[in-house]
C-alpha atoms as a PDB file:
ATOM      1  CA  MET A   1     -75.546 -34.665  77.167  1.00  0.00           C
ATOM      2  CA  PRO A   2     -78.488 -33.624  75.022  1.00  0.00           C
ATOM      3  CA  ASP A   3     -77.631 -36.092  72.240  1.00  0.00           C
ATOM      4  CA  LEU A   4     -77.707 -39.091  74.590  1.00  0.00           C
ATOM      5  CA  VAL A   5     -80.738 -41.324  74.046  1.00  0.00           C
ATOM      6  CA  LEU A   6     -81.475 -43.808  76.773  1.00  0.00           C
ATOM      7  CA  GLY A   7     -83.877 -46.559  75.750  1.00  0.00           C
ATOM      8  CA  ALA A   8     -85.600 -48.014  78.778  1.00  0.00           C
ATOM      9  CA  ALA A   9     -85.934 -51.367  77.028  1.00  0.00           C
ATOM     10  CA  ALA A  10     -82.164 -51.586  76.333  1.00  0.00           C
ATOM     11  CA  LEU A  11     -81.384 -50.551  79.895  1.00  0.00           C
ATOM     12  CA  GLU A  12     -83.835 -53.170  81.249  1.00  0.00           C
ATOM     13  CA  GLN A  13     -82.174 -55.844  79.113  1.00  0.00           C
ATOM     14  CA  ALA A  14     -78.746 -54.861  80.510  1.00  0.00           C
ATOM     15  CA  ARG A  15     -80.163 -54.755  84.045  1.00  0.00           C
ATOM     16  CA  THR A  16     -81.553 -58.257  83.680  1.00  0.00           C
ATOM     17  CA  GLY A  17     -78.170 -59.486  82.464  1.00  0.00           C
ATOM     18  CA  PHE A  18     -76.401 -57.946  85.438  1.00  0.00           C
ATOM     19  CA  ALA A  19     -78.985 -59.366  87.855  1.00  0.00           C
ATOM     20  CA  THR A  20     -78.434 -62.838  86.404  1.00  0.00           C
ATOM     21  CA  GLU A  21     -74.670 -62.581  86.589  1.00  0.00           C
ATOM     22  CA  ALA A  22     -74.854 -61.147  90.125  1.00  0.00           C
ATOM     23  CA  ARG A  23     -76.284 -64.493  91.248  1.00  0.00           C
ATOM     24  CA  ARG A  24     -74.288 -66.777  88.941  1.00  0.00           C
ATOM     25  CA  VAL A  25     -70.787 -65.422  89.555  1.00  0.00           C
ATOM     26  CA  PRO A  26     -70.663 -65.954  93.340  1.00  0.00           C
ATOM     27  CA  ALA A  27     -72.397 -69.339  92.996  1.00  0.00           C
ATOM     28  CA  SER A  28     -69.579 -70.536  90.756  1.00  0.00           C
ATOM     29  CA  ALA A  29     -67.383 -70.620  93.873  1.00  0.00           C
ATOM     30  CA  ASP A  30     -69.395 -73.656  94.937  1.00  0.00           C
ATOM     31  CA  HIS A  31     -67.654 -75.627  92.206  1.00  0.00           C
ATOM     32  CA  LEU A  32     -64.203 -74.923  93.636  1.00  0.00           C
ATOM     33  CA  ALA A  33     -62.761 -77.634  95.786  1.00  0.00           C
ATOM     34  CA  VAL A  34     -59.433 -78.976  96.867  1.00  0.00           C
ATOM     35  CA  PRO A  35     -59.007 -82.695  95.924  1.00  0.00           C
ATOM     36  CA  ALA A  36     -60.435 -84.720  98.775  1.00  0.00           C
ATOM     37  CA  GLY A  37     -58.135 -87.649  98.032  1.00  0.00           C
ATOM     38  CA  GLY A  38     -55.079 -85.570  98.594  1.00  0.00           C
ATOM     39  CA  LEU A  39     -52.053 -85.596  96.383  1.00  0.00           C
ATOM     40  CA  GLY A  40     -50.743 -89.072  97.033  1.00  0.00           C
ATOM     41  CA  ASP A  41     -47.358 -89.581  98.557  1.00  0.00           C
ATOM     42  CA  LEU A  42     -45.828 -86.268  97.545  1.00  0.00           C
ATOM     43  CA  ASP A  43     -43.533 -84.905 100.226  1.00  0.00           C
ATOM     44  CA  SER A  44     -45.041 -81.455  99.754  1.00  0.00           C
ATOM     45  CA  ALA A  45     -48.693 -82.642  99.683  1.00  0.00           C
ATOM     46  CA  GLY A  46     -49.553 -80.893 102.911  1.00  0.00           C
ATOM     47  CA  ALA A  47     -48.127 -77.564 101.804  1.00  0.00           C
ATOM     48  CA  MET A  48     -49.729 -77.945  98.366  1.00  0.00           C
ATOM     49  CA  LEU A  49     -53.181 -78.678  99.853  1.00  0.00           C
ATOM     50  CA  GLY A  50     -52.771 -75.699 102.161  1.00  0.00           C
ATOM     51  CA  ALA A  51     -51.922 -73.446  99.244  1.00  0.00           C
ATOM     52  CA  LEU A  52     -54.870 -74.779  97.246  1.00  0.00           C
ATOM     53  CA  ASP A  53     -57.176 -74.160 100.180  1.00  0.00           C
ATOM     54  CA  GLU A  54     -55.964 -70.561 100.252  1.00  0.00           C
ATOM     55  CA  VAL A  55     -56.506 -70.132  96.514  1.00  0.00           C
ATOM     56  CA  VAL A  56     -60.066 -71.483  96.864  1.00  0.00           C
ATOM     57  CA  ARG A  57     -60.734 -69.173  99.819  1.00  0.00           C
ATOM     58  CA  VAL A  58     -59.391 -66.059  98.061  1.00  0.00           C
ATOM     59  CA  LEU A  59     -61.081 -66.875  94.745  1.00  0.00           C
ATOM     60  CA  GLY A  60     -64.378 -67.420  96.580  1.00  0.00           C
ATOM     61  CA  GLY A  61     -63.999 -64.003  98.148  1.00  0.00           C
ATOM     62  CA  GLU A  62     -63.252 -62.358  94.795  1.00  0.00           C
ATOM     63  CA  LEU A  63     -66.222 -64.028  93.176  1.00  0.00           C
ATOM     64  CA  ALA A  64     -68.470 -62.827  96.003  1.00  0.00           C
ATOM     65  CA  SER A  65     -67.099 -59.266  95.566  1.00  0.00           C
ATOM     66  CA  ALA A  66     -67.740 -59.432  91.819  1.00  0.00           C
ATOM     67  CA  GLY A  67     -71.314 -60.555  92.500  1.00  0.00           C
ATOM     68  CA  ALA A  68     -71.808 -57.645  94.876  1.00  0.00           C
ATOM     69  CA  ARG A  69     -70.561 -55.184  92.257  1.00  0.00           C
ATOM     70  CA  LEU A  70     -72.833 -56.660  89.641  1.00  0.00           C
ATOM     71  CA  ASP A  71     -75.746 -56.396  92.079  1.00  0.00           C
ATOM     72  CA  GLY A  72     -74.870 -52.727  92.551  1.00  0.00           C
ATOM     73  CA  LEU A  73     -75.017 -52.248  88.764  1.00  0.00           C
ATOM     74  CA  ASP A  74     -78.384 -53.969  88.688  1.00  0.00           C
ATOM     75  CA  ARG A  75     -79.740 -51.607  91.378  1.00  0.00           C
ATOM     76  CA  ALA A  76     -78.222 -48.509  89.702  1.00  0.00           C
ATOM     77  CA  LEU A  77     -79.756 -49.383  86.365  1.00  0.00           C
ATOM     78  CA  ASP A  78     -83.098 -50.094  88.039  1.00  0.00           C
ATOM     79  CA  ALA A  79     -82.979 -46.633  89.605  1.00  0.00           C
ATOM     80  CA  ALA A  80     -82.051 -45.066  86.245  1.00  0.00           C
ATOM     81  CA  ILE A  81     -84.923 -46.848  84.477  1.00  0.00           C
ATOM     82  CA  THR A  82     -87.338 -45.759  87.196  1.00  0.00           C
ATOM     83  CA  ALA A  83     -86.134 -42.121  86.873  1.00  0.00           C
ATOM     84  CA  ILE A  84     -86.391 -42.190  83.060  1.00  0.00           C
ATOM     85  CA  ARG A  85     -89.911 -43.649  83.144  1.00  0.00           C
ATOM     86  CA  SER A  86     -90.999 -41.130  85.774  1.00  0.00           C
ATOM     87  CA  SER A  87     -89.526 -38.248  83.722  1.00  0.00           C
ATOM     88  CA  ASP A  88     -91.252 -39.532  80.591  1.00  0.00           C
ATOM     89  CA  ARG A  89     -94.601 -39.766  82.462  1.00  0.00           C
ATOM     90  CA  ASP A  90     -94.186 -36.245  83.844  1.00  0.00           C
ATOM     91  CA  ALA A  91     -93.320 -34.898  80.400  1.00  0.00           C
ATOM     92  CA  ALA A  92     -96.353 -36.661  78.839  1.00  0.00           C
ATOM     93  CA  VAL A  93     -98.624 -35.200  81.515  1.00  0.00           C
ATOM     94  CA  SER A  94     -97.275 -31.707  80.950  1.00  0.00           C
ATOM     95  CA  LEU A  95     -97.879 -31.997  77.175  1.00  0.00           C
ATOM     96  CA  SER A  96    -101.416 -33.406  77.420  1.00  0.00           C
ATOM     97  CA  ALA A  97    -104.428 -31.177  77.123  1.00  0.00           C
ATOM     98  CA  ALA A  98    -105.644 -29.763  80.395  1.00  0.00           C
END
């Protein structure tokens, strides 16, 4: 793709955003909780609390997975930025006077 221009600054900004979200998304699971007071005198309170526990467990796992994917994007962008900067350095050296 000869017409593709990759700006290291823009990639770094995106990487920083992914890194921030990679920590924030899984941490949001800490705010999930089943009501400690229960559901009063409902006949189905036990089943409902069990279902809510399962929702919290599954959602926590999904948020952790999303955080891991975002972390992978952070690392991939970091590798791309490093490669671009290295290539730019090598090109500058090859064009400088000997």
